[in-house]
Amino acid sequence: MRKDRVTRAQTDEFPPTSGVPDHRDLIKPDPYFASPDGDFTLYCGDVTEILPKIEFRESVDLIFADPPYFLSNGGITCHAGKMVSVDKGAWDRLDSVQLMHEFNRLWLNACRAILQPNGSIWVSGTRHVIYSVGFAMQELGFKLLNEITWEKPNPPPNLSCRYFTHSTETILWAARDNKSKHKFNYQLMRAEAGDRQMKSVWRLTAPAASEKESGSHPTQKPLALLDRIILASTDAGDLVVDPFAGSGTTGISAVKHGRRFVGIDTDSDFLDLAIKRYSRQSAQAKLL
């Protein structure tokens, strides 16, 4: 997602109490890809422009979002044992903290407008963005449910040796509003945790090599993470939306578990990768 398109005028279109503008006079966008079964649909474009035009009508059960972390600002990291610059793309560059927060308010409010009354949203991020996301959620009227810590057992080392090694990401889970009766498949999560209440610290490895056979995304999430989120907070047949779809991990997990999926991304190359992954999974499913 390109944050450089965000302006004060755009954010004023989405005040916290009014919902999104009336887009009935606008043309519904054509999907970039739609599966024959209708269970996997992709749109190419800016989420803040496309999302309000899709006729969801408060029908979305779950949203998972992995927005830009705005890390591509001249820093360094460790990749494959080598020091490399952090440059994921123009969509990941930060102009100002104020614009970042306005951008987060903009897309979060568009997401809130499409959630069904008892729907919920999960948002992943590092310290660079997650505090803005949490504050924006509170400003917009979401009900915060949990703060999940995803612990990575084998993170890249900190090359400067001036900080603790960054080994976690935070995932915020929130219901649409204080009146929402959000879905939580408690017994399923308890069974997965060995007949104990599942804790809010999840130790999961990075995406396996098999998840990158068709290609990869610089911020790709492990399938196991999305499996847990989708199984915890949806039922079969529910509608799952990812406004920053990337390589389509959310959609792959959703379809695998019998949910319907709609994803949006600005980069057609990543959407093509998502299509390859979906086609690969569909072919494998037919062999079973």
C-alpha atoms as a PDB file:
ATOM      1  CA  MET A   1       0.000   0.000   0.000  1.00  0.00           C
ATOM      2  CA  ARG A   2       1.390   3.430  -0.964  1.00  0.00           C
ATOM      3  CA  LYS A   3       1.105   5.813   1.939  1.00  0.00           C
ATOM      4  CA  ASP A   4       2.261   8.783  -0.162  1.00  0.00           C
ATOM      5  CA  ARG A   5      -1.278   9.178  -1.500  1.00  0.00           C
ATOM      6  CA  VAL A   6      -2.667  10.129   1.913  1.00  0.00           C
ATOM      7  CA  THR A   7      -3.623  13.773   2.346  1.00  0.00           C
ATOM      8  CA  ARG A   8      -5.472  15.741   4.994  1.00  0.00           C
ATOM      9  CA  ALA A   9      -8.431  16.043   2.634  1.00  0.00           C
ATOM     10  CA  GLN A  10      -8.676  12.265   2.393  1.00  0.00           C
ATOM     11  CA  THR A  11      -8.661  11.731   6.135  1.00  0.00           C
ATOM     12  CA  ASP A  12     -11.326  14.385   6.631  1.00  0.00           C
ATOM     13  CA  GLU A  13     -13.625  12.239   4.474  1.00  0.00           C
ATOM     14  CA  PHE A  14     -13.634   9.615   7.203  1.00  0.00           C
ATOM     15  CA  PRO A  15     -14.354  11.274  10.581  1.00  0.00           C
ATOM     16  CA  PRO A  16     -14.628   8.742  13.447  1.00  0.00           C
ATOM     17  CA  THR A  17     -18.387   8.984  13.925  1.00  0.00           C
ATOM     18  CA  SER A  18     -19.706   9.225  10.381  1.00  0.00           C
ATOM     19  CA  GLY A  19     -18.548   6.114   8.544  1.00  0.00           C
ATOM     20  CA  VAL A  20     -17.422   6.208   4.935  1.00  0.00           C
ATOM     21  CA  PRO A  21     -18.792   8.399   2.158  1.00  0.00           C
ATOM     22  CA  ASP A  22     -21.741   7.337   0.063  1.00  0.00           C
ATOM     23  CA  HIS A  23     -20.249   5.569  -2.972  1.00  0.00           C
ATOM     24  CA  ARG A  24     -23.510   4.543  -4.625  1.00  0.00           C
ATOM     25  CA  ASP A  25     -22.751   6.840  -7.566  1.00  0.00           C
ATOM     26  CA  LEU A  26     -19.319   5.284  -8.108  1.00  0.00           C
ATOM     27  CA  ILE A  27     -18.627   2.311 -10.343  1.00  0.00           C
ATOM     28  CA  LYS A  28     -17.943  -0.959  -8.574  1.00  0.00           C
ATOM     29  CA  PRO A  29     -14.383  -2.046  -9.449  1.00  0.00           C
ATOM     30  CA  ASP A  30     -13.773  -5.129 -11.556  1.00  0.00           C
ATOM     31  CA  PRO A  31     -11.897  -7.904  -9.762  1.00  0.00           C
ATOM     32  CA  TYR A  32      -8.281  -8.475 -10.726  1.00  0.00           C
ATOM     33  CA  PHE A  33      -9.025 -12.166 -10.231  1.00  0.00           C
ATOM     34  CA  ALA A  34     -12.095 -14.170  -9.227  1.00  0.00           C
ATOM     35  CA  SER A  35     -12.049 -17.923  -8.753  1.00  0.00           C
ATOM     36  CA  PRO A  36     -14.740 -20.027 -10.492  1.00  0.00           C
ATOM     37  CA  ASP A  37     -16.181 -20.985  -7.101  1.00  0.00           C
ATOM     38  CA  GLY A  38     -16.228 -17.395  -5.891  1.00  0.00           C
ATOM     39  CA  ASP A  39     -14.195 -18.260  -2.811  1.00  0.00           C
ATOM     40  CA  PHE A  40     -11.071 -16.250  -3.721  1.00  0.00           C
ATOM     41  CA  THR A  41     -11.331 -12.739  -5.153  1.00  0.00           C
ATOM     42  CA  LEU A  42      -8.616 -10.122  -5.606  1.00  0.00           C
ATOM     43  CA  TYR A  43      -8.732  -6.402  -6.403  1.00  0.00           C
ATOM     44  CA  CYS A  44      -5.788  -4.257  -7.501  1.00  0.00           C
ATOM     45  CA  GLY A  45      -5.614  -0.697  -6.221  1.00  0.00           C
ATOM     46  CA  ASP A  46      -5.568   1.596  -3.208  1.00  0.00           C
ATOM     47  CA  VAL A  47      -7.587   0.066  -0.373  1.00  0.00           C
ATOM     48  CA  THR A  48      -8.947   3.447   0.716  1.00  0.00           C
ATOM     49  CA  GLU A  49     -10.425   3.937  -2.759  1.00  0.00           C
ATOM     50  CA  ILE A  50     -11.515   0.388  -3.601  1.00  0.00           C
ATOM     51  CA  LEU A  51     -12.862  -0.909  -0.297  1.00  0.00           C
ATOM     52  CA  PRO A  52     -15.796   1.513  -0.023  1.00  0.00           C
ATOM     53  CA  LYS A  53     -16.875   0.712  -3.603  1.00  0.00           C
ATOM     54  CA  ILE A  54     -17.218  -3.037  -3.074  1.00  0.00           C
ATOM     55  CA  GLU A  55     -20.778  -3.759  -1.984  1.00  0.00           C
ATOM     56  CA  PHE A  56     -20.028  -5.545   1.277  1.00  0.00           C
ATOM     57  CA  ARG A  57     -22.986  -3.908   3.104  1.00  0.00           C
ATOM     58  CA  GLU A  58     -21.649  -4.754   6.597  1.00  0.00           C
ATOM     59  CA  SER A  59     -21.295  -8.416   5.620  1.00  0.00           C
ATOM     60  CA  VAL A  60     -17.627  -9.053   6.458  1.00  0.00           C
ATOM     61  CA  ASP A  61     -17.021 -11.432   9.345  1.00  0.00           C
ATOM     62  CA  LEU A  62     -13.277 -11.002   9.729  1.00  0.00           C
ATOM     63  CA  ILE A  63     -10.538  -8.656   8.539  1.00  0.00           C
ATOM     64  CA  PHE A  64      -6.844  -9.417   8.813  1.00  0.00           C
ATOM     65  CA  ALA A  65      -4.546  -6.512   7.990  1.00  0.00           C
ATOM     66  CA  ASP A  66      -0.782  -6.338   7.774  1.00  0.00           C
ATOM     67  CA  PRO A  67      -0.312  -2.667   6.843  1.00  0.00           C
ATOM     68  CA  PRO A  68       2.991  -1.020   5.890  1.00  0.00           C
ATOM     69  CA  TYR A  69       5.408  -0.827   8.837  1.00  0.00           C
ATOM     70  CA  PHE A  70       7.238   2.141   7.255  1.00  0.00           C
ATOM     71  CA  LEU A  71      10.683   0.620   7.797  1.00  0.00           C
ATOM     72  CA  SER A  72      12.288   1.540   4.446  1.00  0.00           C
ATOM     73  CA  ASN A  73      14.002   4.697   5.615  1.00  0.00           C
ATOM     74  CA  GLY A  74      17.705   3.988   5.165  1.00  0.00           C
ATOM     75  CA  GLY A  75      18.145   1.447   7.965  1.00  0.00           C
ATOM     76  CA  ILE A  76      19.937  -1.899   7.852  1.00  0.00           C
ATOM     77  CA  THR A  77      18.976  -5.464   8.682  1.00  0.00           C
ATOM     78  CA  CYS A  78      20.361  -8.969   8.436  1.00  0.00           C
ATOM     79  CA  HIS A  79      19.258 -11.204   5.575  1.00  0.00           C
ATOM     80  CA  ALA A  80      20.780 -14.625   4.875  1.00  0.00           C
ATOM     81  CA  GLY A  81      23.644 -13.766   7.200  1.00  0.00           C
ATOM     82  CA  LYS A  82      24.504 -10.515   5.387  1.00  0.00           C
ATOM     83  CA  MET A  83      24.004  -6.851   6.205  1.00  0.00           C
ATOM     84  CA  VAL A  84      21.484  -5.337   3.779  1.00  0.00           C
ATOM     85  CA  SER A  85      19.575  -2.066   3.560  1.00  0.00           C
ATOM     86  CA  VAL A  86      15.905  -2.027   4.465  1.00  0.00           C
ATOM     87  CA  ASP A  87      14.135  -1.134   1.219  1.00  0.00           C
ATOM     88  CA  LYS A  88      10.883  -3.016   0.714  1.00  0.00           C
ATOM     89  CA  GLY A  89       9.483  -0.447  -1.705  1.00  0.00           C
ATOM     90  CA  ALA A  90       7.960   3.011  -1.952  1.00  0.00           C
ATOM     91  CA  TRP A  91       4.853   1.760  -0.144  1.00  0.00           C
ATOM     92  CA  ASP A  92       6.970   1.216   2.995  1.00  0.00           C
ATOM     93  CA  ARG A  93       8.579   4.672   3.252  1.00  0.00           C
ATOM     94  CA  LEU A  94       7.557   7.204   5.881  1.00  0.00           C
ATOM     95  CA  ASP A  95       7.185  10.945   5.298  1.00  0.00           C
ATOM     96  CA  SER A  96       5.984  11.845   8.799  1.00  0.00           C
ATOM     97  CA  VAL A  97       4.457  10.269  11.889  1.00  0.00           C
ATOM     98  CA  GLN A  98       1.397  12.466  11.412  1.00  0.00           C
ATOM     99  CA  LEU A  99       0.773  11.154   7.900  1.00  0.00           C
ATOM    100  CA  MET A 100       1.271   7.596   9.110  1.00  0.00           C
ATOM    101  CA  HIS A 101      -1.407   8.021  11.768  1.00  0.00           C
ATOM    102  CA  GLU A 102      -3.815   9.709   9.361  1.00  0.00           C
ATOM    103  CA  PHE A 103      -3.279   6.849   6.928  1.00  0.00           C
ATOM    104  CA  ASN A 104      -4.022   4.292   9.656  1.00  0.00           C
ATOM    105  CA  ARG A 105      -7.204   6.108  10.628  1.00  0.00           C
ATOM    106  CA  LEU A 106      -8.271   6.245   6.994  1.00  0.00           C
ATOM    107  CA  TRP A 107      -7.996   2.545   6.167  1.00  0.00           C
ATOM    108  CA  LEU A 108      -9.195   1.389   9.605  1.00  0.00           C
ATOM    109  CA  ASN A 109     -12.377   3.431   9.324  1.00  0.00           C
ATOM    110  CA  ALA A 110     -13.015   2.032   5.842  1.00  0.00           C
ATOM    111  CA  CYS A 111     -12.597  -1.458   7.315  1.00  0.00           C
ATOM    112  CA  ARG A 112     -14.915  -0.743  10.241  1.00  0.00           C
ATOM    113  CA  ALA A 113     -17.663   0.301   7.837  1.00  0.00           C
ATOM    114  CA  ILE A 114     -17.750  -3.115   6.122  1.00  0.00           C
ATOM    115  CA  LEU A 115     -17.666  -5.305   9.236  1.00  0.00           C
ATOM    116  CA  GLN A 116     -20.911  -6.967  10.226  1.00  0.00           C
ATOM    117  CA  PRO A 117     -22.102  -5.923  13.735  1.00  0.00           C
ATOM    118  CA  ASN A 118     -20.368  -8.871  15.410  1.00  0.00           C
ATOM    119  CA  GLY A 119     -17.327  -8.913  13.127  1.00  0.00           C
ATOM    120  CA  SER A 120     -13.740  -8.442  14.230  1.00  0.00           C
ATOM    121  CA  ILE A 121     -10.375  -7.297  12.895  1.00  0.00           C
ATOM    122  CA  TRP A 122      -6.792  -8.412  13.489  1.00  0.00           C
ATOM    123  CA  VAL A 123      -3.891  -6.052  12.697  1.00  0.00           C
ATOM    124  CA  SER A 124      -0.232  -7.058  12.733  1.00  0.00           C
ATOM    125  CA  GLY A 125       2.664  -4.689  13.241  1.00  0.00           C
ATOM    126  CA  THR A 126       5.946  -3.840  14.915  1.00  0.00           C
ATOM    127  CA  ARG A 127       6.637  -0.964  17.295  1.00  0.00           C
ATOM    128  CA  HIS A 128       7.024   1.325  14.277  1.00  0.00           C
ATOM    129  CA  VAL A 129       3.291   1.315  13.520  1.00  0.00           C
ATOM    130  CA  ILE A 130       1.289  -0.735  16.031  1.00  0.00           C
ATOM    131  CA  TYR A 131       0.884   2.024  18.629  1.00  0.00           C
ATOM    132  CA  SER A 132      -0.615   4.300  16.012  1.00  0.00           C
ATOM    133  CA  VAL A 133      -2.944   1.478  14.931  1.00  0.00           C
ATOM    134  CA  GLY A 134      -4.095   0.842  18.509  1.00  0.00           C
ATOM    135  CA  PHE A 135      -4.726   4.530  19.167  1.00  0.00           C
ATOM    136  CA  ALA A 136      -6.609   4.891  15.885  1.00  0.00           C
ATOM    137  CA  MET A 137      -8.773   1.895  16.818  1.00  0.00           C
ATOM    138  CA  GLN A 138      -9.711   3.588  20.076  1.00  0.00           C
ATOM    139  CA  GLU A 139     -10.423   6.879  18.307  1.00  0.00           C
ATOM    140  CA  LEU A 140     -12.704   5.162  15.788  1.00  0.00           C
ATOM    141  CA  GLY A 141     -14.761   3.169  18.288  1.00  0.00           C
ATOM    142  CA  PHE A 142     -13.379  -0.361  17.968  1.00  0.00           C
ATOM    143  CA  LYS A 143     -13.424  -2.572  21.077  1.00  0.00           C
ATOM    144  CA  LEU A 144      -9.932  -3.915  21.755  1.00  0.00           C
ATOM    145  CA  LEU A 145     -10.089  -7.607  22.687  1.00  0.00           C
ATOM    146  CA  ASN A 146      -6.537  -8.935  22.868  1.00  0.00           C
ATOM    147  CA  GLU A 147      -2.931  -7.978  22.250  1.00  0.00           C
ATOM    148  CA  ILE A 148      -1.201 -11.036  20.805  1.00  0.00           C
ATOM    149  CA  THR A 149       2.584 -11.313  20.886  1.00  0.00           C
ATOM    150  CA  TRP A 150       3.965 -13.399  18.038  1.00  0.00           C
ATOM    151  CA  GLU A 151       7.346 -14.692  19.175  1.00  0.00           C
ATOM    152  CA  LYS A 152       9.796 -15.728  16.458  1.00  0.00           C
ATOM    153  CA  PRO A 153      12.123 -18.478  17.758  1.00  0.00           C
ATOM    154  CA  ASN A 154      14.945 -17.727  15.288  1.00  0.00           C
ATOM    155  CA  PRO A 155      14.965 -13.974  14.532  1.00  0.00           C
ATOM    156  CA  PRO A 156      17.763 -12.252  12.602  1.00  0.00           C
ATOM    157  CA  PRO A 157      20.492 -10.845  14.874  1.00  0.00           C
ATOM    158  CA  ASN A 158      20.729  -7.183  15.793  1.00  0.00           C
ATOM    159  CA  LEU A 159      23.802  -6.028  13.872  1.00  0.00           C
ATOM    160  CA  SER A 160      24.379  -2.778  15.774  1.00  0.00           C
ATOM    161  CA  CYS A 161      24.654  -4.594  19.127  1.00  0.00           C
ATOM    162  CA  ARG A 162      22.991  -1.570  20.724  1.00  0.00           C
ATOM    163  CA  TYR A 163      19.508  -3.066  21.152  1.00  0.00           C
ATOM    164  CA  PHE A 164      17.882  -6.302  22.242  1.00  0.00           C
ATOM    165  CA  THR A 165      17.260  -8.587  19.274  1.00  0.00           C
ATOM    166  CA  HIS A 166      13.878  -7.835  17.744  1.00  0.00           C
ATOM    167  CA  SER A 167      12.061 -11.155  18.004  1.00  0.00           C
ATOM    168  CA  THR A 168       8.349 -10.311  18.213  1.00  0.00           C
ATOM    169  CA  GLU A 169       5.470  -8.702  16.393  1.00  0.00           C
ATOM    170  CA  THR A 170       2.242  -7.493  17.950  1.00  0.00           C
ATOM    171  CA  ILE A 171      -1.193  -8.426  16.629  1.00  0.00           C
ATOM    172  CA  LEU A 172      -4.171  -6.427  17.880  1.00  0.00           C
ATOM    173  CA  TRP A 173      -7.591  -8.109  17.879  1.00  0.00           C
ATOM    174  CA  ALA A 174     -10.639  -5.847  18.061  1.00  0.00           C
ATOM    175  CA  ALA A 175     -14.400  -6.072  17.633  1.00  0.00           C
ATOM    176  CA  ARG A 176     -16.308  -3.534  15.543  1.00  0.00           C
ATOM    177  CA  ASP A 177     -17.662  -1.707  18.598  1.00  0.00           C
ATOM    178  CA  ASN A 178     -18.530  -2.103  22.274  1.00  0.00           C
ATOM    179  CA  LYS A 179     -21.866  -3.749  21.436  1.00  0.00           C
ATOM    180  CA  SER A 180     -20.335  -6.468  19.266  1.00  0.00           C
ATOM    181  CA  LYS A 181     -20.686 -10.093  20.329  1.00  0.00           C
ATOM    182  CA  HIS A 182     -17.537 -11.236  18.595  1.00  0.00           C
ATOM    183  CA  LYS A 183     -16.923 -14.809  17.477  1.00  0.00           C
ATOM    184  CA  PHE A 184     -14.356 -16.759  19.516  1.00  0.00           C
ATOM    185  CA  ASN A 185     -14.058 -20.501  19.067  1.00  0.00           C
ATOM    186  CA  TYR A 186     -12.813 -21.030  22.590  1.00  0.00           C
ATOM    187  CA  GLN A 187     -13.036 -24.820  22.731  1.00  0.00           C
ATOM    188  CA  LEU A 188     -11.093 -25.212  19.481  1.00  0.00           C
ATOM    189  CA  MET A 189      -8.308 -22.954  20.725  1.00  0.00           C
ATOM    190  CA  ARG A 190      -8.269 -24.737  24.081  1.00  0.00           C
ATOM    191  CA  ALA A 191      -7.888 -28.093  22.320  1.00  0.00           C
ATOM    192  CA  GLU A 192      -5.017 -26.705  20.233  1.00  0.00           C
ATOM    193  CA  ALA A 193      -3.310 -25.564  23.441  1.00  0.00           C
ATOM    194  CA  GLY A 194      -3.398 -29.056  24.979  1.00  0.00           C
ATOM    195  CA  ASP A 195      -6.684 -28.679  26.858  1.00  0.00           C
ATOM    196  CA  ARG A 196      -5.577 -25.434  28.487  1.00  0.00           C
ATOM    197  CA  GLN A 197      -6.595 -21.861  27.877  1.00  0.00           C
ATOM    198  CA  MET A 198      -4.512 -20.531  25.015  1.00  0.00           C
ATOM    199  CA  LYS A 199      -2.237 -17.688  26.070  1.00  0.00           C
ATOM    200  CA  SER A 200      -1.655 -14.460  24.192  1.00  0.00           C
ATOM    201  CA  VAL A 201       1.986 -15.250  23.409  1.00  0.00           C
ATOM    202  CA  TRP A 202       2.251 -17.378  20.270  1.00  0.00           C
ATOM    203  CA  ARG A 203       5.566 -18.994  19.393  1.00  0.00           C
ATOM    204  CA  LEU A 204       5.535 -19.604  15.632  1.00  0.00           C
ATOM    205  CA  THR A 205       8.331 -19.887  13.088  1.00  0.00           C
ATOM    206  CA  ALA A 206       8.719 -17.769   9.959  1.00  0.00           C
ATOM    207  CA  PRO A 207       7.095 -19.000   6.722  1.00  0.00           C
ATOM    208  CA  ALA A 208       8.349 -22.414   5.675  1.00  0.00           C
ATOM    209  CA  ALA A 209      10.182 -22.896   2.387  1.00  0.00           C
ATOM    210  CA  SER A 210       7.129 -24.691   1.004  1.00  0.00           C
ATOM    211  CA  GLU A 211       5.113 -21.490   1.465  1.00  0.00           C
ATOM    212  CA  LYS A 212       7.510 -19.621  -0.831  1.00  0.00           C
ATOM    213  CA  GLU A 213       7.718 -22.119  -3.687  1.00  0.00           C
ATOM    214  CA  SER A 214       5.738 -19.804  -5.963  1.00  0.00           C
ATOM    215  CA  GLY A 215       7.630 -16.706  -4.775  1.00  0.00           C
ATOM    216  CA  SER A 216       7.654 -14.593  -1.641  1.00  0.00           C
ATOM    217  CA  HIS A 217       6.680 -11.234  -0.168  1.00  0.00           C
ATOM    218  CA  PRO A 218       9.100  -9.181   2.004  1.00  0.00           C
ATOM    219  CA  THR A 219       6.664  -9.191   4.947  1.00  0.00           C
ATOM    220  CA  GLN A 220       5.037 -12.576   4.326  1.00  0.00           C
ATOM    221  CA  LYS A 221       3.359 -14.103   7.371  1.00  0.00           C
ATOM    222  CA  PRO A 222       3.463 -17.831   8.180  1.00  0.00           C
ATOM    223  CA  LEU A 223       0.421 -19.828   7.191  1.00  0.00           C
ATOM    224  CA  ALA A 224       0.206 -21.241  10.722  1.00  0.00           C
ATOM    225  CA  LEU A 225      -0.382 -17.730  12.086  1.00  0.00           C
ATOM    226  CA  LEU A 226      -3.313 -17.078   9.761  1.00  0.00           C
ATOM    227  CA  ASP A 227      -4.686 -20.580  10.352  1.00  0.00           C
ATOM    228  CA  ARG A 228      -4.929 -19.860  14.063  1.00  0.00           C
ATOM    229  CA  ILE A 229      -6.495 -16.432  13.606  1.00  0.00           C
ATOM    230  CA  ILE A 230      -9.093 -17.628  11.102  1.00  0.00           C
ATOM    231  CA  LEU A 231     -10.025 -20.745  13.060  1.00  0.00           C
ATOM    232  CA  ALA A 232     -10.283 -18.747  16.289  1.00  0.00           C
ATOM    233  CA  SER A 233     -12.637 -16.060  15.022  1.00  0.00           C
ATOM    234  CA  THR A 234     -14.658 -17.387  12.062  1.00  0.00           C
ATOM    235  CA  ASP A 235     -16.856 -20.314  11.062  1.00  0.00           C
ATOM    236  CA  ALA A 236     -17.063 -22.206   7.780  1.00  0.00           C
ATOM    237  CA  GLY A 237     -18.602 -20.069   5.032  1.00  0.00           C
ATOM    238  CA  ASP A 238     -17.659 -16.761   6.671  1.00  0.00           C
ATOM    239  CA  LEU A 239     -16.243 -13.867   4.647  1.00  0.00           C
ATOM    240  CA  VAL A 240     -12.624 -12.861   5.307  1.00  0.00           C
ATOM    241  CA  VAL A 241     -11.063  -9.669   3.895  1.00  0.00           C
ATOM    242  CA  ASP A 242      -7.397  -8.620   3.739  1.00  0.00           C
ATOM    243  CA  PRO A 243      -6.892  -4.984   2.659  1.00  0.00           C
ATOM    244  CA  PHE A 244      -3.115  -5.485   2.223  1.00  0.00           C
ATOM    245  CA  ALA A 245      -3.212  -8.934   0.666  1.00  0.00           C
ATOM    246  CA  GLY A 246       0.405  -9.198  -0.486  1.00  0.00           C
ATOM    247  CA  SER A 247       1.178 -12.771  -1.521  1.00  0.00           C
ATOM    248  CA  GLY A 248      -2.251 -13.969  -0.368  1.00  0.00           C
ATOM    249  CA  THR A 249      -1.462 -15.935   2.808  1.00  0.00           C
ATOM    250  CA  THR A 250      -4.733 -14.836   4.422  1.00  0.00           C
ATOM    251  CA  GLY A 251      -6.680 -16.049   1.399  1.00  0.00           C
ATOM    252  CA  ILE A 252      -4.815 -19.355   1.217  1.00  0.00           C
ATOM    253  CA  SER A 253      -5.679 -20.049   4.848  1.00  0.00           C
ATOM    254  CA  ALA A 254      -9.279 -18.877   4.462  1.00  0.00           C
ATOM    255  CA  VAL A 255     -10.011 -21.115   1.479  1.00  0.00           C
ATOM    256  CA  LYS A 256      -8.225 -24.070   3.081  1.00  0.00           C
ATOM    257  CA  HIS A 257     -10.649 -23.852   5.997  1.00  0.00           C
ATOM    258  CA  GLY A 258     -13.804 -23.340   3.945  1.00  0.00           C
ATOM    259  CA  ARG A 259     -14.110 -19.567   4.234  1.00  0.00           C
ATOM    260  CA  ARG A 260     -14.588 -17.016   1.448  1.00  0.00           C
ATOM    261  CA  PHE A 261     -11.860 -14.460   0.767  1.00  0.00           C
ATOM    262  CA  VAL A 262     -11.474 -10.988  -0.734  1.00  0.00           C
ATOM    263  CA  GLY A 263      -8.034  -9.387  -0.932  1.00  0.00           C
ATOM    264  CA  ILE A 264      -6.785  -5.973  -2.069  1.00  0.00           C
ATOM    265  CA  ASP A 265      -3.266  -4.822  -2.922  1.00  0.00           C
ATOM    266  CA  THR A 266      -1.657  -2.057  -4.962  1.00  0.00           C
ATOM    267  CA  ASP A 267       0.997  -4.323  -6.474  1.00  0.00           C
ATOM    268  CA  SER A 268      -0.133  -6.560  -9.335  1.00  0.00           C
ATOM    269  CA  ASP A 269       3.062  -8.622  -9.084  1.00  0.00           C
ATOM    270  CA  PHE A 270       2.136  -9.699  -5.573  1.00  0.00           C
ATOM    271  CA  LEU A 271      -1.440 -10.379  -6.644  1.00  0.00           C
ATOM    272  CA  ASP A 272      -0.089 -12.605  -9.420  1.00  0.00           C
ATOM    273  CA  LEU A 273       1.876 -14.458  -6.768  1.00  0.00           C
ATOM    274  CA  ALA A 274      -1.287 -14.861  -4.691  1.00  0.00           C
ATOM    275  CA  ILE A 275      -3.061 -16.317  -7.734  1.00  0.00           C
ATOM    276  CA  LYS A 276      -0.231 -18.808  -8.259  1.00  0.00           C
ATOM    277  CA  ARG A 277      -0.462 -19.891  -4.636  1.00  0.00           C
ATOM    278  CA  TYR A 278      -4.235 -20.252  -4.842  1.00  0.00           C
ATOM    279  CA  SER A 279      -4.009 -22.270  -8.070  1.00  0.00           C
ATOM    280  CA  ARG A 280      -1.348 -24.496  -6.557  1.00  0.00           C
ATOM    281  CA  GLN A 281      -3.439 -25.129  -3.445  1.00  0.00           C
ATOM    282  CA  SER A 282      -6.562 -25.812  -5.520  1.00  0.00           C
ATOM    283  CA  ALA A 283      -4.697 -28.346  -7.651  1.00  0.00           C
ATOM    284  CA  GLN A 284      -3.373 -30.103  -4.559  1.00  0.00           C
ATOM    285  CA  ALA A 285      -6.857 -30.189  -2.999  1.00  0.00           C
ATOM    286  CA  LYS A 286      -8.274 -31.942  -6.087  1.00  0.00           C
ATOM    287  CA  LEU A 287      -5.716 -34.704  -5.678  1.00  0.00           C
ATOM    288  CA  LEU A 288      -6.884 -35.519  -2.158  1.00  0.00           C
END
